[in-house]
Amino acid sequence: MRGITIKIDGKKRRLRYDSAAFYRASEKMSKTIGPELSVRDLSLILWAGLIHEDPGLSLGTIEKTVKASSPKSLKVLQKKIEKALEDYIRTLNRSIKDVSKIKSEFDKQGKMLDALNKKI
């Protein structure tokens, strides 16, 4: 996954999500993700998608940036978060398809082995 480029705290960063990012955010969030997010929850989602490249990035830094953002900037940020989440979901879907293909091949091989065992 490449990630979505955003500028936070005066630095260009890559916003990218994976299972670990969702786990980190969900541990700290006050509720499930929904249409109405608090500044803290939005900050958590953003922070979780950024710490893959900067583990020392603090949630406080992200919260300050989000709080200081204009409504227009928040809209742009929201769109970038949505894009990064869509990229992650596409990656998950590809992984699920790959697992299904592998399972199908194992099932075919298992049936072939069963048929051979019956002949022996």
N, C-alpha and C. Protein backbone atom coordinates (compact mmCIF):
# COMPACT_ATOMS: atom_id res chain seq x y z
N MET A 1 0.84 -1.18 0.00
CA MET A 1 0.00 0.00 0.00
C MET A 1 0.88 1.25 0.00
N ARG A 2 0.59 2.14 -0.88
CA ARG A 2 1.38 3.36 -0.99
C ARG A 2 1.02 4.38 0.07
N GLY A 3 -0.23 4.63 0.26
CA GLY A 3 -0.67 5.66 1.20
C GLY A 3 -1.07 6.93 0.48
N ILE A 4 -1.73 7.78 1.21
CA ILE A 4 -2.22 9.05 0.69
C ILE A 4 -1.37 10.16 1.32
N THR A 5 -0.81 11.04 0.51
CA THR A 5 0.05 12.09 1.02
C THR A 5 -0.79 13.23 1.60
N ILE A 6 -0.43 13.62 2.82
CA ILE A 6 -1.07 14.77 3.47
C ILE A 6 0.02 15.59 4.15
N LYS A 7 -0.30 16.83 4.48
CA LYS A 7 0.65 17.67 5.20
C LYS A 7 0.10 17.92 6.60
N ILE A 8 0.83 17.46 7.59
CA ILE A 8 0.45 17.60 9.00
C ILE A 8 1.66 18.11 9.76
N ASP A 9 1.46 19.09 10.60
CA ASP A 9 2.53 19.61 11.44
C ASP A 9 3.72 20.09 10.60
N GLY A 10 3.41 20.66 9.44
CA GLY A 10 4.46 21.18 8.57
C GLY A 10 5.26 20.13 7.81
N LYS A 11 4.84 18.87 7.89
CA LYS A 11 5.57 17.78 7.21
C LYS A 11 4.64 17.02 6.29
N LYS A 12 5.20 16.58 5.16
CA LYS A 12 4.44 15.68 4.29
C LYS A 12 4.51 14.29 4.90
N ARG A 13 3.34 13.66 5.00
CA ARG A 13 3.27 12.33 5.60
C ARG A 13 2.38 11.46 4.72
N ARG A 14 2.54 10.13 4.89
CA ARG A 14 1.70 9.18 4.15
C ARG A 14 0.64 8.62 5.10
N LEU A 15 -0.61 8.80 4.72
CA LEU A 15 -1.73 8.29 5.48
C LEU A 15 -2.04 6.90 4.94
N ARG A 16 -1.95 5.90 5.81
CA ARG A 16 -2.14 4.52 5.36
C ARG A 16 -2.73 3.72 6.52
N TYR A 17 -3.67 2.86 6.20
CA TYR A 17 -4.32 2.04 7.22
C TYR A 17 -4.04 0.57 7.00
N ASP A 18 -3.99 -0.15 8.12
CA ASP A 18 -3.89 -1.60 8.12
C ASP A 18 -4.61 -2.09 9.38
N SER A 19 -4.59 -3.37 9.61
CA SER A 19 -5.30 -3.92 10.78
C SER A 19 -4.77 -3.34 12.09
N ALA A 20 -3.47 -3.15 12.17
CA ALA A 20 -2.87 -2.60 13.39
C ALA A 20 -3.35 -1.17 13.63
N ALA A 21 -3.50 -0.40 12.58
CA ALA A 21 -3.99 0.98 12.73
C ALA A 21 -5.40 0.99 13.30
N PHE A 22 -6.26 0.11 12.78
CA PHE A 22 -7.63 0.05 13.29
C PHE A 22 -7.64 -0.39 14.76
N TYR A 23 -6.79 -1.31 15.10
CA TYR A 23 -6.71 -1.78 16.49
C TYR A 23 -6.28 -0.65 17.41
N ARG A 24 -5.22 0.08 17.02
CA ARG A 24 -4.72 1.19 17.85
C ARG A 24 -5.81 2.24 18.05
N ALA A 25 -6.52 2.59 16.99
CA ALA A 25 -7.56 3.61 17.11
C ALA A 25 -8.72 3.12 17.95
N SER A 26 -9.15 1.88 17.73
CA SER A 26 -10.32 1.37 18.45
C SER A 26 -10.06 1.23 19.95
N GLU A 27 -8.81 0.98 20.32
CA GLU A 27 -8.46 0.88 21.74
C GLU A 27 -8.73 2.19 22.47
N LYS A 28 -8.56 3.30 21.78
CA LYS A 28 -8.64 4.61 22.40
C LYS A 28 -9.94 5.36 22.11
N MET A 29 -10.71 4.90 21.12
CA MET A 29 -11.92 5.64 20.73
C MET A 29 -13.02 5.49 21.77
N SER A 30 -13.83 6.53 21.85
CA SER A 30 -14.93 6.54 22.81
C SER A 30 -16.17 5.82 22.29
N LYS A 31 -16.23 5.59 21.01
CA LYS A 31 -17.40 4.93 20.41
C LYS A 31 -17.00 4.30 19.08
N THR A 32 -17.93 3.64 18.46
CA THR A 32 -17.64 3.07 17.15
C THR A 32 -17.62 4.18 16.11
N ILE A 33 -16.96 3.91 15.00
CA ILE A 33 -16.87 4.90 13.93
C ILE A 33 -18.25 5.08 13.31
N GLY A 34 -18.67 6.31 13.19
CA GLY A 34 -19.98 6.62 12.63
C GLY A 34 -19.95 7.98 11.97
N PRO A 35 -21.12 8.47 11.56
CA PRO A 35 -21.16 9.74 10.83
C PRO A 35 -20.80 10.95 11.70
N GLU A 36 -21.00 10.87 13.00
CA GLU A 36 -20.70 11.98 13.91
C GLU A 36 -19.46 11.65 14.73
N LEU A 37 -18.34 12.24 14.37
CA LEU A 37 -17.09 11.99 15.09
C LEU A 37 -16.68 13.22 15.88
N SER A 38 -16.16 13.00 17.08
CA SER A 38 -15.60 14.10 17.85
C SER A 38 -14.24 14.46 17.26
N VAL A 39 -13.71 15.62 17.66
CA VAL A 39 -12.38 16.02 17.23
C VAL A 39 -11.36 14.97 17.68
N ARG A 40 -11.54 14.47 18.90
CA ARG A 40 -10.61 13.45 19.42
C ARG A 40 -10.67 12.18 18.57
N ASP A 41 -11.88 11.72 18.24
CA ASP A 41 -11.99 10.50 17.45
C ASP A 41 -11.42 10.69 16.04
N LEU A 42 -11.68 11.84 15.43
CA LEU A 42 -11.11 12.12 14.12
C LEU A 42 -9.59 12.14 14.22
N SER A 43 -9.07 12.75 15.29
CA SER A 43 -7.63 12.79 15.50
C SER A 43 -7.06 11.39 15.67
N LEU A 44 -7.76 10.54 16.40
CA LEU A 44 -7.31 9.15 16.60
C LEU A 44 -7.24 8.40 15.27
N ILE A 45 -8.25 8.55 14.45
CA ILE A 45 -8.27 7.87 13.16
C ILE A 45 -7.11 8.35 12.29
N LEU A 46 -6.89 9.66 12.29
CA LEU A 46 -5.79 10.22 11.52
C LEU A 46 -4.44 9.75 12.07
N TRP A 47 -4.26 9.84 13.39
CA TRP A 47 -3.03 9.41 14.04
C TRP A 47 -2.72 7.94 13.73
N ALA A 48 -3.74 7.08 13.82
CA ALA A 48 -3.53 5.65 13.57
C ALA A 48 -3.05 5.38 12.15
N GLY A 49 -3.47 6.21 11.21
CA GLY A 49 -3.06 6.04 9.82
C GLY A 49 -1.70 6.65 9.50
N LEU A 50 -1.12 7.37 10.46
CA LEU A 50 0.15 8.03 10.21
C LEU A 50 1.34 7.43 10.96
N ILE A 51 1.11 6.76 12.07
CA ILE A 51 2.25 6.34 12.89
C ILE A 51 3.06 5.19 12.30
N HIS A 52 2.59 4.61 11.20
CA HIS A 52 3.38 3.55 10.55
C HIS A 52 4.73 4.06 10.10
N GLU A 53 4.83 5.35 9.75
CA GLU A 53 6.11 5.87 9.29
C GLU A 53 6.80 6.75 10.33
N ASP A 54 6.08 7.10 11.41
CA ASP A 54 6.67 7.90 12.48
C ASP A 54 6.07 7.46 13.81
N PRO A 55 6.60 6.35 14.38
CA PRO A 55 6.04 5.81 15.62
C PRO A 55 6.05 6.80 16.78
N GLY A 56 6.89 7.84 16.70
CA GLY A 56 6.95 8.83 17.77
C GLY A 56 5.93 9.96 17.63
N LEU A 57 5.17 9.94 16.55
CA LEU A 57 4.16 10.99 16.32
C LEU A 57 3.12 10.93 17.43
N SER A 58 2.93 12.04 18.10
CA SER A 58 2.00 12.02 19.24
C SER A 58 0.58 12.34 18.81
N LEU A 59 -0.35 11.77 19.54
CA LEU A 59 -1.76 12.08 19.32
C LEU A 59 -2.01 13.56 19.59
N GLY A 60 -1.31 14.12 20.56
CA GLY A 60 -1.46 15.54 20.88
C GLY A 60 -1.14 16.44 19.70
N THR A 61 -0.08 16.10 18.97
CA THR A 61 0.30 16.88 17.78
C THR A 61 -0.83 16.85 16.75
N ILE A 62 -1.38 15.68 16.55
CA ILE A 62 -2.47 15.54 15.58
C ILE A 62 -3.71 16.30 16.06
N GLU A 63 -4.04 16.18 17.34
CA GLU A 63 -5.21 16.89 17.88
C GLU A 63 -5.07 18.40 17.70
N LYS A 64 -3.89 18.95 17.97
CA LYS A 64 -3.66 20.39 17.80
C LYS A 64 -3.89 20.79 16.34
N THR A 65 -3.39 19.98 15.42
CA THR A 65 -3.53 20.28 14.00
C THR A 65 -5.01 20.24 13.60
N VAL A 66 -5.71 19.22 14.05
CA VAL A 66 -7.13 19.09 13.69
C VAL A 66 -7.94 20.24 14.28
N LYS A 67 -7.68 20.56 15.53
CA LYS A 67 -8.42 21.66 16.18
C LYS A 67 -8.18 23.00 15.50
N ALA A 68 -6.97 23.21 14.98
CA ALA A 68 -6.61 24.47 14.34
C ALA A 68 -7.04 24.54 12.87
N SER A 69 -7.58 23.45 12.34
CA SER A 69 -7.94 23.39 10.92
C SER A 69 -9.25 24.13 10.65
N SER A 70 -9.31 24.74 9.49
CA SER A 70 -10.54 25.40 9.05
C SER A 70 -11.53 24.33 8.60
N PRO A 71 -12.82 24.66 8.53
CA PRO A 71 -13.79 23.68 8.02
C PRO A 71 -13.42 23.15 6.63
N LYS A 72 -12.90 24.04 5.78
CA LYS A 72 -12.50 23.60 4.43
C LYS A 72 -11.35 22.59 4.51
N SER A 73 -10.36 22.86 5.37
CA SER A 73 -9.23 21.94 5.54
C SER A 73 -9.69 20.61 6.11
N LEU A 74 -10.64 20.65 7.04
CA LEU A 74 -11.17 19.41 7.61
C LEU A 74 -11.88 18.58 6.55
N LYS A 75 -12.59 19.24 5.63
CA LYS A 75 -13.25 18.51 4.53
C LYS A 75 -12.22 17.80 3.66
N VAL A 76 -11.13 18.50 3.33
CA VAL A 76 -10.06 17.90 2.52
C VAL A 76 -9.44 16.73 3.28
N LEU A 77 -9.19 16.93 4.56
CA LEU A 77 -8.62 15.87 5.39
C LEU A 77 -9.55 14.66 5.43
N GLN A 78 -10.84 14.91 5.59
CA GLN A 78 -11.82 13.82 5.62
C GLN A 78 -11.78 13.02 4.32
N LYS A 79 -11.70 13.71 3.19
CA LYS A 79 -11.65 13.03 1.89
C LYS A 79 -10.39 12.17 1.78
N LYS A 80 -9.28 12.66 2.28
CA LYS A 80 -8.03 11.89 2.22
C LYS A 80 -8.10 10.66 3.13
N ILE A 81 -8.71 10.83 4.29
CA ILE A 81 -8.88 9.68 5.19
C ILE A 81 -9.77 8.64 4.50
N GLU A 82 -10.86 9.08 3.88
CA GLU A 82 -11.76 8.16 3.17
C GLU A 82 -11.01 7.42 2.07
N LYS A 83 -10.16 8.13 1.32
CA LYS A 83 -9.40 7.50 0.24
C LYS A 83 -8.44 6.45 0.80
N ALA A 84 -7.76 6.78 1.89
CA ALA A 84 -6.83 5.82 2.50
C ALA A 84 -7.58 4.59 3.02
N LEU A 85 -8.76 4.80 3.59
CA LEU A 85 -9.57 3.68 4.06
C LEU A 85 -10.05 2.82 2.89
N GLU A 86 -10.44 3.46 1.80
CA GLU A 86 -10.85 2.71 0.61
C GLU A 86 -9.69 1.85 0.08
N ASP A 87 -8.49 2.40 0.08
CA ASP A 87 -7.31 1.63 -0.36
C ASP A 87 -7.12 0.39 0.52
N TYR A 88 -7.28 0.58 1.82
CA TYR A 88 -7.13 -0.54 2.75
C TYR A 88 -8.20 -1.61 2.50
N ILE A 89 -9.43 -1.19 2.29
CA ILE A 89 -10.52 -2.14 2.04
C ILE A 89 -10.28 -2.90 0.74
N ARG A 90 -9.78 -2.21 -0.29
CA ARG A 90 -9.45 -2.90 -1.56
C ARG A 90 -8.37 -3.96 -1.32
N THR A 91 -7.37 -3.63 -0.52
CA THR A 91 -6.31 -4.58 -0.20
C THR A 91 -6.88 -5.79 0.53
N LEU A 92 -7.76 -5.54 1.48
CA LEU A 92 -8.40 -6.65 2.21
C LEU A 92 -9.19 -7.54 1.26
N ASN A 93 -9.94 -6.93 0.36
CA ASN A 93 -10.75 -7.71 -0.58
C ASN A 93 -9.87 -8.59 -1.46
N ARG A 94 -8.73 -8.05 -1.91
CA ARG A 94 -7.80 -8.85 -2.72
C ARG A 94 -7.27 -10.02 -1.90
N SER A 95 -6.95 -9.77 -0.65
CA SER A 95 -6.42 -10.83 0.23
C SER A 95 -7.46 -11.93 0.42
N ILE A 96 -8.70 -11.53 0.62
CA ILE A 96 -9.79 -12.50 0.80
C ILE A 96 -9.95 -13.35 -0.45
N LYS A 97 -9.87 -12.73 -1.63
CA LYS A 97 -9.98 -13.48 -2.89
C LYS A 97 -8.83 -14.46 -3.03
N ASP A 98 -7.61 -14.03 -2.65
CA ASP A 98 -6.45 -14.92 -2.73
C ASP A 98 -6.62 -16.13 -1.81
N VAL A 99 -7.10 -15.90 -0.60
CA VAL A 99 -7.33 -16.99 0.34
C VAL A 99 -8.38 -17.95 -0.21
N SER A 100 -9.43 -17.41 -0.82
CA SER A 100 -10.49 -18.25 -1.40
C SER A 100 -9.93 -19.13 -2.52
N LYS A 101 -9.06 -18.56 -3.36
CA LYS A 101 -8.45 -19.33 -4.45
C LYS A 101 -7.60 -20.47 -3.89
N ILE A 102 -6.80 -20.16 -2.88
CA ILE A 102 -5.94 -21.18 -2.26
C ILE A 102 -6.78 -22.29 -1.66
N LYS A 103 -7.85 -21.91 -0.95
CA LYS A 103 -8.74 -22.91 -0.34
C LYS A 103 -9.36 -23.79 -1.42
N SER A 104 -9.76 -23.19 -2.52
CA SER A 104 -10.36 -23.95 -3.62
C SER A 104 -9.36 -24.96 -4.17
N GLU A 105 -8.11 -24.56 -4.33
CA GLU A 105 -7.08 -25.47 -4.84
C GLU A 105 -6.85 -26.63 -3.86
N PHE A 106 -6.80 -26.33 -2.57
CA PHE A 106 -6.64 -27.39 -1.57
C PHE A 106 -7.83 -28.35 -1.60
N ASP A 107 -9.03 -27.80 -1.77
CA ASP A 107 -10.22 -28.66 -1.85
C ASP A 107 -10.13 -29.60 -3.04
N LYS A 108 -9.69 -29.08 -4.20
CA LYS A 108 -9.55 -29.90 -5.40
C LYS A 108 -8.51 -31.00 -5.17
N GLN A 109 -7.39 -30.61 -4.58
CA GLN A 109 -6.34 -31.60 -4.33
C GLN A 109 -6.80 -32.65 -3.33
N GLY A 110 -7.56 -32.22 -2.32
CA GLY A 110 -8.10 -33.17 -1.34
C GLY A 110 -9.03 -34.16 -2.00
N LYS A 111 -9.87 -33.71 -2.93
CA LYS A 111 -10.79 -34.60 -3.64
C LYS A 111 -10.02 -35.59 -4.51
N MET A 112 -8.94 -35.09 -5.14
CA MET A 112 -8.12 -35.97 -5.97
C MET A 112 -7.46 -37.04 -5.11
N LEU A 113 -6.96 -36.67 -3.95
CA LEU A 113 -6.33 -37.64 -3.04
C LEU A 113 -7.35 -38.66 -2.55
N ASP A 114 -8.56 -38.20 -2.24
CA ASP A 114 -9.61 -39.12 -1.81
C ASP A 114 -9.92 -40.13 -2.90
N ALA A 115 -10.01 -39.65 -4.14
CA ALA A 115 -10.29 -40.55 -5.28
C ALA A 115 -9.17 -41.56 -5.45
N LEU A 116 -7.93 -41.12 -5.32
CA LEU A 116 -6.79 -42.04 -5.45
C LEU A 116 -6.79 -43.07 -4.33
N ASN A 117 -7.09 -42.64 -3.12
CA ASN A 117 -7.13 -43.57 -1.99
C ASN A 117 -8.20 -44.63 -2.18
N LYS A 118 -9.31 -44.28 -2.78
CA LYS A 118 -10.39 -45.25 -3.01
C LYS A 118 -9.98 -46.29 -4.03
N LYS A 119 -9.13 -45.89 -4.99
CA LYS A 119 -8.68 -46.81 -6.01
C LYS A 119 -7.63 -47.78 -5.48
N ILE A 120 -6.92 -47.36 -4.45
CA ILE A 120 -5.83 -48.19 -3.91
C ILE A 120 -6.34 -49.26 -3.02
